[in-house]
N, C-alpha and C. Protein backbone atom coordinates (compact mmCIF):
# COMPACT_ATOMS: atom_id res chain seq x y z
N GLU A 1 92.82 81.68 98.77
CA GLU A 1 92.80 81.21 97.89
C GLU A 1 92.72 82.10 96.80
N ASP A 2 92.70 83.64 96.67
CA ASP A 2 91.83 84.11 95.59
C ASP A 2 93.91 84.74 94.92
N GLU A 3 93.90 84.24 93.68
CA GLU A 3 95.12 84.79 93.60
C GLU A 3 95.21 86.18 93.25
N SER A 4 94.16 86.63 93.27
CA SER A 4 94.12 88.78 92.58
C SER A 4 94.59 89.05 93.84
N LEU A 5 95.67 88.43 95.39
CA LEU A 5 95.45 89.32 96.20
C LEU A 5 96.77 88.35 96.30
N ARG A 6 97.72 89.48 95.96
CA ARG A 6 98.68 89.61 96.10
C ARG A 6 99.44 89.54 97.37
N ALA A 7 99.25 89.94 98.26
CA ALA A 7 99.51 89.70 99.10
C ALA A 7 99.09 90.18 100.51
N VAL A 8 98.89 89.71 101.98
CA VAL A 8 98.50 90.15 102.91
C VAL A 8 98.96 90.66 104.14
N ILE A 9 98.04 91.96 104.71
CA ILE A 9 98.78 92.33 106.00
C ILE A 9 97.75 92.00 106.65
N LEU A 10 97.74 91.09 108.06
CA LEU A 10 97.26 90.80 108.61
C LEU A 10 97.44 92.08 110.29
N VAL A 11 96.08 92.19 110.50
CA VAL A 11 96.40 93.14 111.29
C VAL A 11 96.62 92.61 112.91
N VAL A 12 96.73 92.57 113.90
CA VAL A 12 97.06 91.99 115.42
C VAL A 12 97.16 92.29 116.41
N ASP A 13 96.24 92.68 116.86
CA ASP A 13 95.43 93.65 117.90
C ASP A 13 94.78 92.90 118.82
N SER A 14 95.73 92.16 119.80
CA SER A 14 94.95 90.59 120.78
C SER A 14 96.19 90.78 122.17
N ARG A 15 95.76 90.65 123.05
CA ARG A 15 96.56 90.62 124.93
C ARG A 15 97.52 89.14 124.48
N GLY A 16 96.92 88.74 124.17
CA GLY A 16 97.07 86.95 124.05
C GLY A 16 95.57 85.66 124.87
N GLY A 17 95.71 84.64 125.26
CA GLY A 17 94.49 83.96 124.94
C GLY A 17 95.20 82.43 125.51
N SER A 18 93.84 81.84 125.18
CA SER A 18 94.36 80.73 125.37
C SER A 18 95.39 79.82 124.46
N ALA A 19 96.47 78.66 125.09
CA ALA A 19 97.68 78.33 124.40
C ALA A 19 97.33 78.24 122.79
N LEU A 20 95.69 76.82 123.05
CA LEU A 20 96.24 76.30 121.91
C LEU A 20 95.41 76.78 121.05
N ALA A 21 94.71 78.39 121.11
CA ALA A 21 93.66 78.73 120.35
C ALA A 21 94.50 79.00 119.35
N SER A 22 95.69 80.01 120.77
CA SER A 22 97.14 80.85 119.55
C SER A 22 97.68 79.84 118.36
N GLU A 23 97.98 78.48 119.06
CA GLU A 23 98.47 77.96 118.47
C GLU A 23 98.06 77.49 117.02
N LEU A 24 96.23 77.39 116.97
CA LEU A 24 95.74 76.67 116.09
C LEU A 24 96.13 78.46 114.92
N VAL A 25 95.74 79.30 115.73
CA VAL A 25 95.52 80.51 115.07
C VAL A 25 97.62 81.14 113.96
N ARG A 26 97.95 80.83 114.23
CA ARG A 26 98.88 80.72 114.36
C ARG A 26 99.62 79.98 112.70
N ARG A 27 98.71 78.16 112.95
CA ARG A 27 99.27 77.51 111.92
C ARG A 27 98.76 77.79 110.98
N ALA A 28 97.47 78.92 110.95
CA ALA A 28 96.69 78.98 110.12
C ALA A 28 97.53 80.66 109.21
N VAL A 29 98.25 81.22 110.12
CA VAL A 29 99.17 82.24 108.84
C VAL A 29 100.21 81.49 109.02
N ARG A 30 101.16 80.36 108.94
CA ARG A 30 102.28 80.12 108.35
C ARG A 30 101.89 79.38 106.89
N ARG A 31 99.86 78.33 107.62
CA ARG A 31 99.93 78.16 105.40
C ARG A 31 99.68 79.07 104.87
N LEU A 32 98.75 80.08 104.80
CA LEU A 32 99.39 81.10 104.33
C LEU A 32 100.45 81.62 104.35
N ALA A 33 101.30 81.60 104.75
CA ALA A 33 102.40 82.72 104.68
C ALA A 33 103.23 81.61 103.38
N ASP A 34 103.20 80.46 103.67
CA ASP A 34 103.53 79.59 102.47
C ASP A 34 102.53 79.90 100.72
N LYS A 35 101.35 80.83 101.08
CA LYS A 35 101.63 80.70 99.50
C LYS A 35 101.21 82.62 98.79
N LYS A 36 101.74 83.23 100.04
CA LYS A 36 101.59 84.18 99.66
C LYS A 36 102.33 85.05 100.44
N PRO A 37 102.95 86.20 100.05
CA PRO A 37 103.62 87.32 101.89
C PRO A 37 102.67 87.75 102.52
N VAL A 38 102.82 87.38 103.58
CA VAL A 38 102.27 87.92 105.25
C VAL A 38 102.97 88.98 105.93
N VAL A 39 102.51 90.41 105.68
CA VAL A 39 102.62 90.80 107.19
C VAL A 39 102.30 91.14 107.90
N ALA A 40 102.37 91.19 109.38
CA ALA A 40 101.61 90.49 110.54
C ALA A 40 102.12 92.77 110.80
N PHE A 41 100.83 93.53 111.14
CA PHE A 41 100.37 94.92 111.54
C PHE A 41 100.54 95.04 112.68
N VAL A 42 101.35 95.70 113.80
CA VAL A 42 100.54 95.91 114.93
C VAL A 42 100.56 97.24 115.49
N ASP A 43 99.06 97.68 115.84
CA ASP A 43 99.26 99.57 116.33
C ASP A 43 98.87 98.70 117.39
N GLN A 44 98.40 98.86 118.01
CA GLN A 44 98.29 98.73 119.55
C GLN A 44 99.03 97.42 120.75
N VAL A 45 98.58 96.70 120.19
CA VAL A 45 99.04 95.11 121.05
C VAL A 45 98.78 93.76 120.10
N ALA A 46 100.36 93.53 120.45
CA ALA A 46 100.56 91.85 120.19
C ALA A 46 100.98 91.91 120.82
N ALA A 47 100.81 90.93 122.45
CA ALA A 47 100.89 89.82 123.40
C ALA A 47 101.02 88.95 123.83
N SER A 48 101.93 88.33 124.22
CA SER A 48 101.74 86.80 124.11
C SER A 48 100.92 85.98 123.40
N GLY A 49 99.97 85.21 123.02
CA GLY A 49 99.87 85.32 121.91
C GLY A 49 99.38 85.54 120.90
N GLY A 50 99.11 86.49 121.12
CA GLY A 50 99.16 87.89 119.76
C GLY A 50 100.15 87.81 119.28
N TYR A 51 101.28 88.25 119.85
CA TYR A 51 103.24 88.01 118.94
C TYR A 51 102.62 86.74 118.89
N MET A 52 103.15 85.69 119.44
CA MET A 52 102.76 84.30 118.73
C MET A 52 102.10 84.58 117.41
N VAL A 53 100.85 84.90 117.42
CA VAL A 53 100.46 84.29 115.36
C VAL A 53 101.36 85.56 115.00
N ALA A 54 101.64 87.25 115.61
CA ALA A 54 102.36 87.69 114.17
C ALA A 54 103.63 87.16 113.98
N VAL A 55 104.57 86.01 114.56
CA VAL A 55 105.64 85.90 114.42
C VAL A 55 105.64 84.55 113.28
N ALA A 56 104.05 84.34 112.31
CA ALA A 56 103.80 83.63 111.45
C ALA A 56 104.07 83.86 109.86
N ALA A 57 104.52 85.80 110.26
CA ALA A 57 103.81 85.97 109.40
C ALA A 57 105.55 86.45 108.83
N HIS A 58 105.88 86.81 106.86
CA HIS A 58 106.88 86.59 106.58
C HIS A 58 107.62 88.11 107.82
N ALA A 59 106.87 89.37 107.98
CA ALA A 59 107.89 90.32 108.22
C ALA A 59 106.45 91.19 109.02
N ILE A 60 106.71 91.98 110.48
CA ILE A 60 106.05 92.28 111.02
C ILE A 60 106.54 94.02 111.85
N VAL A 61 105.37 94.61 111.44
CA VAL A 61 105.45 96.24 111.27
C VAL A 61 104.76 96.87 112.76
N ALA A 62 105.31 96.99 113.46
CA ALA A 62 104.72 97.36 114.65
C ALA A 62 105.17 99.62 114.70
N THR A 63 103.76 99.77 115.66
CA THR A 63 103.92 101.39 115.57
C THR A 63 105.38 101.23 116.62
N PRO A 64 105.53 102.98 116.68
CA PRO A 64 106.99 102.90 118.25
C PRO A 64 106.50 102.94 119.64
N THR A 65 104.78 103.18 119.69
CA THR A 65 104.35 103.35 120.92
C THR A 65 103.55 101.32 121.58
N SER A 66 103.76 100.89 120.26
CA SER A 66 102.88 99.54 120.39
C SER A 66 103.37 98.89 121.66
N ILE A 67 102.75 97.21 121.91
CA ILE A 67 103.12 96.81 123.11
C ILE A 67 103.57 95.42 122.62
N VAL A 68 104.51 95.52 122.38
CA VAL A 68 105.21 93.42 121.81
C VAL A 68 105.75 93.23 123.11
N GLY A 69 105.04 91.80 122.56
CA GLY A 69 105.90 90.91 123.36
C GLY A 69 105.78 89.93 123.95
N SER A 70 105.86 89.39 125.12
CA SER A 70 104.98 89.06 126.52
C SER A 70 105.16 87.43 126.24
N ILE A 71 106.29 86.72 126.00
CA ILE A 71 106.81 85.62 125.44
C ILE A 71 106.41 85.05 127.11
N GLY A 72 105.52 84.41 127.37
CA GLY A 72 105.67 83.72 128.93
C GLY A 72 104.26 83.25 128.42
N VAL A 73 103.75 81.83 129.38
CA VAL A 73 102.85 81.17 129.12
C VAL A 73 102.43 81.25 130.98
N PHE A 74 101.06 80.95 131.66
CA PHE A 74 100.99 80.75 133.24
C PHE A 74 99.44 79.55 133.46
N GLY A 75 99.27 79.57 133.63
CA GLY A 75 98.62 78.25 134.48
C GLY A 75 97.85 79.62 135.74
N GLY A 76 96.55 78.79 136.62
CA GLY A 76 96.33 78.93 137.35
C GLY A 76 94.51 78.39 137.95
N LYS A 77 94.12 78.84 138.42
CA LYS A 77 92.80 77.75 139.03
C LYS A 77 91.99 79.22 139.82
N PHE A 78 90.73 79.37 140.46
CA PHE A 78 89.97 79.74 141.26
C PHE A 78 89.55 78.65 142.49
N GLU A 79 90.21 78.53 143.33
CA GLU A 79 89.85 78.00 144.40
C GLU A 79 89.36 78.32 145.26
N ILE A 80 87.80 77.98 146.01
CA ILE A 80 87.03 78.66 146.68
C ILE A 80 86.65 78.06 148.13
N SER A 81 87.83 76.33 147.23
CA SER A 81 87.56 75.54 149.34
C SER A 81 86.86 76.40 150.86
N GLY A 82 87.81 77.17 150.56
CA GLY A 82 88.53 78.27 151.77
C GLY A 82 86.80 78.83 152.11
N LEU A 83 86.38 79.24 150.94
CA LEU A 83 84.90 80.35 151.00
C LEU A 83 84.03 79.33 151.18
N LEU A 84 84.20 77.73 151.04
CA LEU A 84 82.35 76.98 150.63
C LEU A 84 82.26 76.67 152.30
N ASP A 85 84.03 76.48 152.78
CA ASP A 85 83.82 76.20 154.09
C ASP A 85 83.37 77.23 155.19
N LYS A 86 83.55 78.39 154.96
CA LYS A 86 82.92 80.01 155.54
C LYS A 86 81.27 79.84 156.01
N LEU A 87 81.36 79.12 153.99
CA LEU A 87 79.02 80.02 153.84
C LEU A 87 79.17 78.19 154.80
N GLY A 88 79.71 77.49 154.99
CA GLY A 88 78.89 75.95 155.26
C GLY A 88 78.71 74.72 154.45
N VAL A 89 79.47 75.22 153.18
CA VAL A 89 78.51 74.53 151.99
C VAL A 89 79.27 73.19 151.90
N GLY A 90 78.95 71.65 151.81
CA GLY A 90 79.84 70.58 151.67
C GLY A 90 80.24 70.44 150.46
N ARG A 91 80.50 69.63 149.96
CA ARG A 91 80.67 68.91 148.59
C ARG A 91 81.60 68.20 148.78
N ALA A 92 81.10 67.64 148.04
CA ALA A 92 81.61 65.82 147.01
C ALA A 92 82.32 65.47 145.79
N VAL A 93 83.46 65.15 145.38
CA VAL A 93 84.44 65.33 144.59
C VAL A 93 84.67 63.79 144.13
N LEU A 94 84.15 62.91 142.73
CA LEU A 94 84.21 61.73 142.43
C LEU A 94 85.33 61.81 141.29
N LYS A 95 86.57 61.70 141.38
CA LYS A 95 87.65 61.21 139.92
C LYS A 95 87.69 59.83 139.64
N GLN A 96 88.11 59.90 138.20
CA GLN A 96 89.13 59.22 138.71
C GLN A 96 90.47 58.57 137.87
N GLY A 97 91.93 58.38 138.01
CA GLY A 97 92.78 59.33 137.57
C GLY A 97 93.72 60.16 138.42
N ARG A 98 94.58 60.46 139.04
CA ARG A 98 95.58 60.74 139.97
C ARG A 98 95.22 62.39 140.17
N ASN A 99 95.20 62.55 138.29
CA ASN A 99 95.20 64.08 138.71
C ASN A 99 93.38 64.44 137.68
N ALA A 100 92.56 64.06 138.28
CA ALA A 100 91.46 64.03 137.39
C ALA A 100 90.58 65.63 137.44
N ALA A 101 91.12 65.78 139.45
CA ALA A 101 90.05 67.06 139.37
C ALA A 101 91.78 67.92 139.45
N LEU A 102 91.87 68.18 138.39
CA LEU A 102 92.84 69.44 138.63
C LEU A 102 92.74 70.07 138.54
N GLU A 103 91.52 70.76 137.52
CA GLU A 103 91.17 72.54 137.54
C GLU A 103 90.39 72.05 137.87
N SER A 104 89.76 71.73 139.27
CA SER A 104 88.11 71.41 139.88
C SER A 104 88.92 72.94 140.69
N GLY A 105 87.54 73.85 140.95
CA GLY A 105 87.97 74.82 141.84
C GLY A 105 87.49 74.52 143.80
N PHE A 106 87.27 73.03 143.84
CA PHE A 106 86.52 72.93 144.91
C PHE A 106 87.47 72.16 145.94
N THR A 107 88.81 71.81 145.18
CA THR A 107 89.57 71.42 146.00
C THR A 107 90.91 72.37 145.62
N PRO A 108 91.89 72.17 146.70
CA PRO A 108 93.29 72.50 146.22
C PRO A 108 94.17 71.92 145.68
N TRP A 109 95.28 72.02 144.99
CA TRP A 109 96.43 71.16 144.48
C TRP A 109 96.54 69.86 145.02
N THR A 110 96.73 69.13 144.86
CA THR A 110 97.56 68.19 145.55
C THR A 110 99.45 68.40 144.88
N ASP A 111 99.86 67.95 145.43
CA ASP A 111 102.00 67.41 145.06
C ASP A 111 101.35 67.59 143.44
N ASP A 112 101.09 66.65 143.77
CA ASP A 112 100.91 66.31 142.41
C ASP A 112 100.64 66.63 141.22
N GLU A 113 99.21 67.05 141.60
CA GLU A 113 99.04 67.92 139.87
C GLU A 113 99.55 69.22 139.98
N ARG A 114 99.87 69.75 141.41
CA ARG A 114 101.24 71.12 140.57
C ARG A 114 101.85 70.42 139.88
N ALA A 115 102.60 69.59 140.08
CA ALA A 115 103.53 69.53 139.73
C ALA A 115 103.83 68.81 138.49
N ALA A 116 102.10 68.31 137.84
CA ALA A 116 101.31 67.43 136.15
C ALA A 116 101.60 69.23 135.48
N LEU A 117 101.20 70.24 135.83
CA LEU A 117 101.00 71.73 135.36
C LEU A 117 101.83 72.66 135.36
N ASP A 118 102.92 72.29 136.19
CA ASP A 118 104.65 72.63 136.25
C ASP A 118 105.08 72.34 134.67
N ARG A 119 104.77 70.91 134.67
CA ARG A 119 105.08 70.57 133.63
C ARG A 119 104.91 70.75 132.63
N GLU A 120 103.46 70.89 132.17
CA GLU A 120 102.70 71.29 131.20
C GLU A 120 102.47 72.56 130.39
N ILE A 121 103.02 73.31 131.66
CA ILE A 121 103.02 75.48 131.59
C ILE A 121 104.85 75.40 130.88
N GLU A 122 105.33 74.37 131.78
CA GLU A 122 107.11 74.77 131.06
C GLU A 122 107.21 74.44 129.21
N GLN A 123 106.34 72.78 129.15
CA GLN A 123 106.41 72.02 127.12
C GLN A 123 106.17 73.65 126.49
N THR A 124 104.80 73.72 127.33
CA THR A 124 103.77 75.19 126.88
C THR A 124 105.03 76.13 126.80
N TYR A 125 105.51 76.46 127.50
CA TYR A 125 106.50 78.20 127.53
C TYR A 125 107.74 77.32 125.92
N ARG A 126 107.89 76.78 126.62
CA ARG A 126 109.69 75.60 125.28
C ARG A 126 108.46 75.94 123.97
N ASP A 127 107.19 75.02 123.76
CA ASP A 127 107.21 75.02 122.35
C ASP A 127 107.07 76.61 122.09
N PHE A 128 106.04 77.62 122.68
CA PHE A 128 106.66 78.93 122.54
C PHE A 128 107.72 80.07 122.63
N LEU A 129 108.74 79.36 122.96
CA LEU A 129 110.09 80.11 122.19
C LEU A 129 110.01 79.79 120.94
N GLY A 130 110.02 77.93 121.13
CA GLY A 130 109.65 77.45 119.44
C GLY A 130 110.37 78.71 118.33
N ALA A 131 108.59 78.56 118.62
CA ALA A 131 108.23 79.02 117.31
C ALA A 131 108.66 80.53 117.70
N VAL A 132 109.15 81.52 118.07
CA VAL A 132 109.14 82.42 118.35
C VAL A 132 110.59 82.71 117.33
N GLY A 133 111.35 81.59 117.71
CA GLY A 133 112.22 81.09 117.14
C GLY A 133 112.25 81.04 115.54
N GLU A 134 111.19 79.96 115.23
CA GLU A 134 111.15 79.44 113.42
C GLU A 134 110.38 81.08 113.46
N GLY A 135 109.56 81.71 113.83
CA GLY A 135 108.95 82.68 112.91
C GLY A 135 110.27 83.84 112.98
N ARG A 136 110.74 84.34 113.97
CA ARG A 136 112.32 85.19 114.06
C ARG A 136 113.20 84.61 113.82
N LYS A 137 113.61 83.35 112.75
CA LYS A 137 114.61 82.87 112.03
C LYS A 137 116.36 83.01 113.34
N ARG A 138 116.05 82.64 114.17
CA ARG A 138 117.03 82.87 115.68
C ARG A 138 116.58 81.80 116.09
N PRO A 139 118.02 81.26 117.12
CA PRO A 139 118.33 80.24 117.22
C PRO A 139 117.42 80.49 118.94
N VAL A 140 116.46 80.32 119.85
CA VAL A 140 115.95 79.47 120.56
C VAL A 140 116.80 81.08 122.01
N GLU A 141 117.93 80.34 121.89
CA GLU A 141 118.77 81.02 122.83
C GLU A 141 118.35 82.35 123.01
N GLU A 142 118.99 82.82 121.38
CA GLU A 142 118.15 84.74 121.54
C GLU A 142 116.81 85.00 121.24
N ILE A 143 116.36 84.14 121.93
CA ILE A 143 115.32 84.24 122.31
C ILE A 143 115.20 84.25 123.45
N GLU A 144 115.22 83.39 124.27
CA GLU A 144 114.48 82.72 125.39
C GLU A 144 115.15 84.15 126.99
N PRO A 145 116.39 85.17 126.53
CA PRO A 145 117.10 86.04 127.28
C PRO A 145 115.13 87.50 127.10
N LEU A 146 114.62 87.57 125.76
CA LEU A 146 113.48 88.22 125.26
C LEU A 146 112.37 87.89 126.00
N ALA A 147 112.17 86.85 126.69
CA ALA A 147 110.98 86.47 126.88
C ALA A 147 110.45 86.55 127.83
N GLY A 148 109.96 85.35 128.84
CA GLY A 148 109.68 85.48 130.45
C GLY A 148 108.19 86.42 130.45
N GLY A 149 107.74 86.41 129.61
CA GLY A 149 106.74 87.22 130.00
C GLY A 149 106.68 89.13 129.69
N ARG A 150 108.55 88.97 129.50
CA ARG A 150 108.52 90.69 129.47
C ARG A 150 107.86 91.56 128.05
N ILE A 151 107.79 92.54 128.24
CA ILE A 151 106.91 93.38 127.14
C ILE A 151 108.04 94.56 126.46
N TYR A 152 107.28 95.14 125.71
CA TYR A 152 108.51 96.00 124.75
C TYR A 152 106.83 97.37 124.76
N THR A 153 108.08 98.31 123.55
CA THR A 153 107.23 98.93 123.30
C THR A 153 107.81 99.17 121.59
N GLY A 154 107.12 98.57 120.69
CA GLY A 154 107.11 98.67 119.78
C GLY A 154 108.72 99.45 119.20
N ARG A 155 109.34 100.57 119.60
CA ARG A 155 110.96 100.85 119.21
C ARG A 155 111.75 99.73 119.90
N ARG A 156 111.44 99.63 120.47
CA ARG A 156 112.40 98.83 121.61
C ARG A 156 112.33 97.69 121.13
N ALA A 157 110.74 96.73 120.59
CA ALA A 157 111.27 95.77 120.71
C ALA A 157 111.82 95.71 119.07
N LYS A 158 111.79 96.99 118.12
CA LYS A 158 112.69 96.87 117.21
C LYS A 158 114.28 96.54 117.13
N GLU A 159 114.27 97.45 117.51
CA GLU A 159 116.12 97.24 118.65
C GLU A 159 116.06 96.06 118.96
N LEU A 160 115.45 95.00 119.37
CA LEU A 160 116.06 94.43 120.01
C LEU A 160 115.92 92.87 118.45
N GLY A 161 114.62 92.93 117.62
CA GLY A 161 114.45 92.10 116.79
C GLY A 161 113.49 91.67 116.72
N LEU A 162 112.63 91.75 117.25
CA LEU A 162 111.47 90.91 117.67
C LEU A 162 110.35 91.15 116.33
N VAL A 163 110.44 92.61 116.00
CA VAL A 163 109.40 93.54 114.87
C VAL A 163 110.80 93.66 113.68
N ASP A 164 109.86 93.38 112.74
CA ASP A 164 111.25 94.09 111.32
C ASP A 164 111.19 96.05 111.17
N GLU A 165 109.71 96.53 111.04
CA GLU A 165 109.51 97.65 110.49
C GLU A 165 109.75 98.02 111.70
N LEU A 166 108.85 99.65 111.94
CA LEU A 166 108.13 100.38 113.04
C LEU A 166 107.48 101.86 111.60
N GLY A 167 106.28 102.21 112.10
CA GLY A 167 105.26 102.82 110.93
C GLY A 167 103.67 102.53 111.34
N GLY A 168 103.07 102.78 110.64
CA GLY A 168 101.86 102.74 110.65
C GLY A 168 101.47 102.10 109.22
N PHE A 169 100.40 101.21 108.97
CA PHE A 169 99.33 101.08 108.02
C PHE A 169 100.56 101.34 106.86
N GLU A 170 100.60 102.84 106.77
CA GLU A 170 101.40 102.94 105.55
C GLU A 170 102.40 101.96 104.61
N ALA A 171 102.82 102.18 106.07
CA ALA A 171 104.12 101.67 106.25
C ALA A 171 103.91 99.44 106.45
N ALA A 172 103.02 99.29 106.38
CA ALA A 172 103.32 97.86 106.03
C ALA A 172 102.22 97.34 105.28
N LEU A 173 101.50 98.74 104.37
CA LEU A 173 101.67 98.55 103.02
C LEU A 173 102.48 98.11 101.93
N ALA A 174 103.83 99.51 102.29
CA ALA A 174 104.82 99.45 101.50
C ALA A 174 105.67 98.02 101.69
N LYS A 175 105.79 97.19 102.62
CA LYS A 175 106.35 96.45 103.24
C LYS A 175 106.32 95.07 102.29
N ALA A 176 104.17 94.59 102.18
CA ALA A 176 103.82 94.22 101.37
C ALA A 176 103.78 93.99 99.45
N GLN A 177 104.21 95.10 99.36
CA GLN A 177 104.07 95.51 98.40
C GLN A 177 105.87 94.79 97.56
N SER A 178 105.96 95.30 98.86
CA SER A 178 107.86 95.04 98.13
C SER A 178 107.53 93.39 98.41
N LEU A 179 107.79 92.80 99.18
CA LEU A 179 107.24 91.39 99.08
C LEU A 179 106.07 90.45 98.63
N ALA A 180 106.00 91.04 98.17
CA ALA A 180 104.78 90.32 96.64
C ALA A 180 105.37 91.87 95.13
N GLY A 181 106.41 92.53 95.70
CA GLY A 181 107.00 92.44 93.84
C GLY A 181 105.30 93.45 93.21
N VAL A 182 105.14 94.30 93.65
CA VAL A 182 104.96 94.67 93.19
C VAL A 182 104.29 96.18 93.54
N LEU A 183 104.80 97.46 91.93
CA LEU A 183 105.53 98.43 92.05
C LEU A 183 103.63 99.61 91.73
N ALA A 184 103.44 99.14 91.35
CA ALA A 184 101.78 100.04 91.50
C ALA A 184 101.50 99.76 92.32
N GLN A 185 100.24 101.48 92.79
CA GLN A 185 99.86 101.17 93.83
C GLN A 185 98.95 100.75 94.32
N PRO A 186 98.26 100.12 95.26
CA PRO A 186 97.76 98.49 94.78
C PRO A 186 96.18 98.94 95.04
N ASP A 187 95.26 98.85 94.93
CA ASP A 187 93.85 98.09 95.73
C ASP A 187 94.36 97.64 97.26
N VAL A 188 92.85 98.00 98.25
CA VAL A 188 93.60 97.27 99.28
C VAL A 188 91.81 96.48 99.76
N VAL A 189 92.23 95.67 100.12
CA VAL A 189 90.38 94.58 99.40
C VAL A 189 91.12 94.93 101.77
N ALA A 190 89.49 95.19 102.22
CA ALA A 190 89.49 94.80 103.87
C ALA A 190 88.39 94.04 103.78
N ILE A 191 89.30 93.05 104.32
CA ILE A 191 88.85 91.63 105.15
C ILE A 191 88.35 91.20 106.66
N GLU A 192 87.16 91.72 106.61
CA GLU A 192 86.56 91.98 108.37
C GLU A 192 86.38 90.46 108.82
N ALA A 193 86.62 90.16 109.93
CA ALA A 193 86.70 89.04 110.80
C ALA A 193 85.46 88.12 111.20
N PRO A 194 84.90 87.49 110.76
CA PRO A 194 83.58 86.72 111.38
C PRO A 194 83.43 87.31 112.69
N SER A 195 81.73 87.81 112.95
CA SER A 195 81.84 88.76 114.18
C SER A 195 80.76 87.08 114.88
N SER A 196 81.20 87.33 116.24
CA SER A 196 79.83 86.29 116.92
C SER A 196 79.02 87.25 117.28
N PRO A 197 77.56 86.43 117.48
CA PRO A 197 76.36 87.07 118.23
C PRO A 197 76.68 87.65 119.31
N MET A 198 77.44 87.06 120.11
CA MET A 198 78.01 86.92 121.56
C MET A 198 79.20 88.92 121.61
N ALA A 199 80.06 89.12 120.46
CA ALA A 199 80.49 89.59 120.03
C ALA A 199 79.72 91.15 119.90
N ALA A 200 78.91 90.64 118.28
CA ALA A 200 77.73 91.76 118.45
C ALA A 200 77.57 92.58 119.53
N LEU A 201 76.58 91.73 120.39
CA LEU A 201 75.70 91.56 121.56
C LEU A 201 76.19 93.33 122.30
N THR A 202 77.70 92.70 121.99
CA THR A 202 78.24 93.51 123.24
C THR A 202 78.39 95.59 122.14
N ARG A 203 78.19 95.72 121.02
CA ARG A 203 77.54 96.92 120.73
C ARG A 203 76.86 97.96 120.74
N VAL A 204 76.42 96.85 121.03
CA VAL A 204 74.52 97.07 121.13
C VAL A 204 74.40 97.98 121.82
N ARG A 205 73.95 100.01 121.29
CA ARG A 205 74.05 101.17 121.70
C ARG A 205 72.27 101.04 122.10
N GLY A 206 70.61 100.42 121.24
CA GLY A 206 69.75 101.16 121.61
C GLY A 206 69.48 99.82 120.54
N LEU A 207 67.88 100.12 120.53
CA LEU A 207 66.61 98.94 120.07
C LEU A 207 66.46 98.84 119.09
N ALA A 208 66.74 99.93 117.91
CA ALA A 208 67.51 99.44 116.49
C ALA A 208 68.59 98.93 116.05
N GLU A 209 69.79 98.77 116.54
CA GLU A 209 70.40 97.72 116.94
C GLU A 209 70.15 96.02 117.25
N VAL A 210 69.31 96.51 118.76
CA VAL A 210 68.92 95.11 118.85
C VAL A 210 68.08 94.63 117.68
N ARG A 211 66.98 95.24 116.93
CA ARG A 211 66.53 94.30 116.31
C ARG A 211 67.37 94.37 114.86
N ASP A 212 67.68 94.84 114.50
CA ASP A 212 68.72 94.08 113.45
C ASP A 212 69.50 93.59 113.47
N LEU A 213 70.16 92.89 114.97
CA LEU A 213 71.36 91.97 115.70
C LEU A 213 70.34 91.17 115.71
N LEU A 214 68.67 90.63 115.77
CA LEU A 214 68.10 88.92 115.74
C LEU A 214 67.88 89.54 114.83
N GLY A 215 67.51 90.12 114.35
CA GLY A 215 67.01 90.42 112.43
C GLY A 215 68.09 89.25 111.83
N SER A 216 69.18 89.80 112.46
CA SER A 216 70.37 88.73 111.20
C SER A 216 70.39 87.78 111.81
N LEU A 217 70.08 87.25 112.97
CA LEU A 217 70.22 86.15 113.67
C LEU A 217 69.28 85.18 113.17
N ALA A 218 67.94 85.24 113.18
CA ALA A 218 67.29 84.89 112.80
C ALA A 218 65.50 85.06 111.60
N GLY A 219 66.08 85.79 111.57
CA GLY A 219 65.05 86.12 110.30
C GLY A 219 64.20 87.56 110.58
N GLU A 220 63.41 87.14 109.82
CA GLU A 220 62.03 88.52 109.57
C GLU A 220 60.68 87.96 110.91
N ARG A 221 60.72 86.47 111.37
CA ARG A 221 60.01 86.50 112.47
C ARG A 221 60.51 86.94 113.29
N VAL A 222 62.02 87.27 113.87
CA VAL A 222 62.29 87.18 114.98
C VAL A 222 62.33 89.39 114.38
N PHE A 223 62.03 89.38 114.18
CA PHE A 223 61.63 91.12 113.61
C PHE A 223 60.45 91.35 113.45
N ALA A 224 59.46 90.80 112.93
CA ALA A 224 57.97 91.22 113.72
C ALA A 224 57.74 90.90 115.08
N LEU A 225 58.25 89.83 116.18
CA LEU A 225 58.17 89.78 117.31
C LEU A 225 59.00 91.04 117.75
N ASP A 226 59.99 91.51 117.38
CA ASP A 226 60.59 92.86 118.20
C ASP A 226 59.97 94.03 118.05
N GLN A 227 59.83 94.30 116.85
CA GLN A 227 58.11 94.89 116.42
C GLN A 227 56.73 95.02 117.43
N THR A 228 56.68 93.57 117.98
CA THR A 228 55.37 93.87 118.81
C THR A 228 55.90 94.30 120.09
N TRP A 229 57.08 93.67 120.73
CA TRP A 229 57.50 94.54 121.68
C TRP A 229 57.67 95.89 121.91
N LEU A 230 57.91 96.44 120.55
CA LEU A 230 58.45 97.87 120.83
C LEU A 230 56.88 98.35 120.86
N ARG A 231 55.75 97.70 120.47
CA ARG A 231 54.28 98.55 120.47
C ARG A 231 54.08 98.51 121.66
N ILE A 232 54.29 97.16 122.19
CA ILE A 232 52.85 97.12 123.58
C ILE A 232 54.29 97.51 124.56
N HIS A 233 55.35 97.82 124.34
CA HIS A 233 56.43 99.29 125.29
C HIS A 233 56.41 100.09 124.33
N PRO A 234 55.83 100.94 124.20
CA PRO A 234 56.24 101.70 123.85
C PRO A 234 56.97 102.90 124.77
N LYS A 235 57.74 104.20 124.24
CA LYS A 235 57.86 105.60 125.24
C LYS A 235 57.43 106.04 125.63
N PRO A 236 57.82 106.43 126.91
CA PRO A 236 56.48 107.39 127.86
C PRO A 236 56.62 108.76 127.17
């Protein structure tokens, strides 16, 4: 919504994930691209759902050795009924609906459940192909031979038309300038993605960072408690 931001460079570094989450992010990028130029920059990986997000931008810039593509869908589950049998553990499953236990790890798939999952995966794959075709402005018939979960280097992806340009962040910045019609050297504003408490926890390396994290989550009350803990358990 900030009118002073003439263009956006979206840094994509993702191996994918949930089909639903990928589609929601793609739509959000598409809405942003309706308002101002968006350039997706791939420094390392834009695979599967990561690539789905990237194609919503006006242009994709990738480093030559990055990993791009993996246009594909898979599904599955851990099925532990054999393990439970070996351990002598019984289980009881109550369900309402023929495919209600499709995702249960306690039972193998029935033929009906497997067929239902096959249909869901096929439809999701077709939707993925359609999203790539729309973003790259190419018919699905041209995208399909490049899909099937295949991955490419950024250089090869450029040859195949899956990315627009090769280069680093400077190339992405130049592309954004060009799309926005900005001739002067632009000011670059870095906007970090919101960090969840769990993501922050994975970066903790010492007690001082634990204190800072807890303080940011719950204020000075936790900070005081943390200090008490430090006093009770001094370093040897």
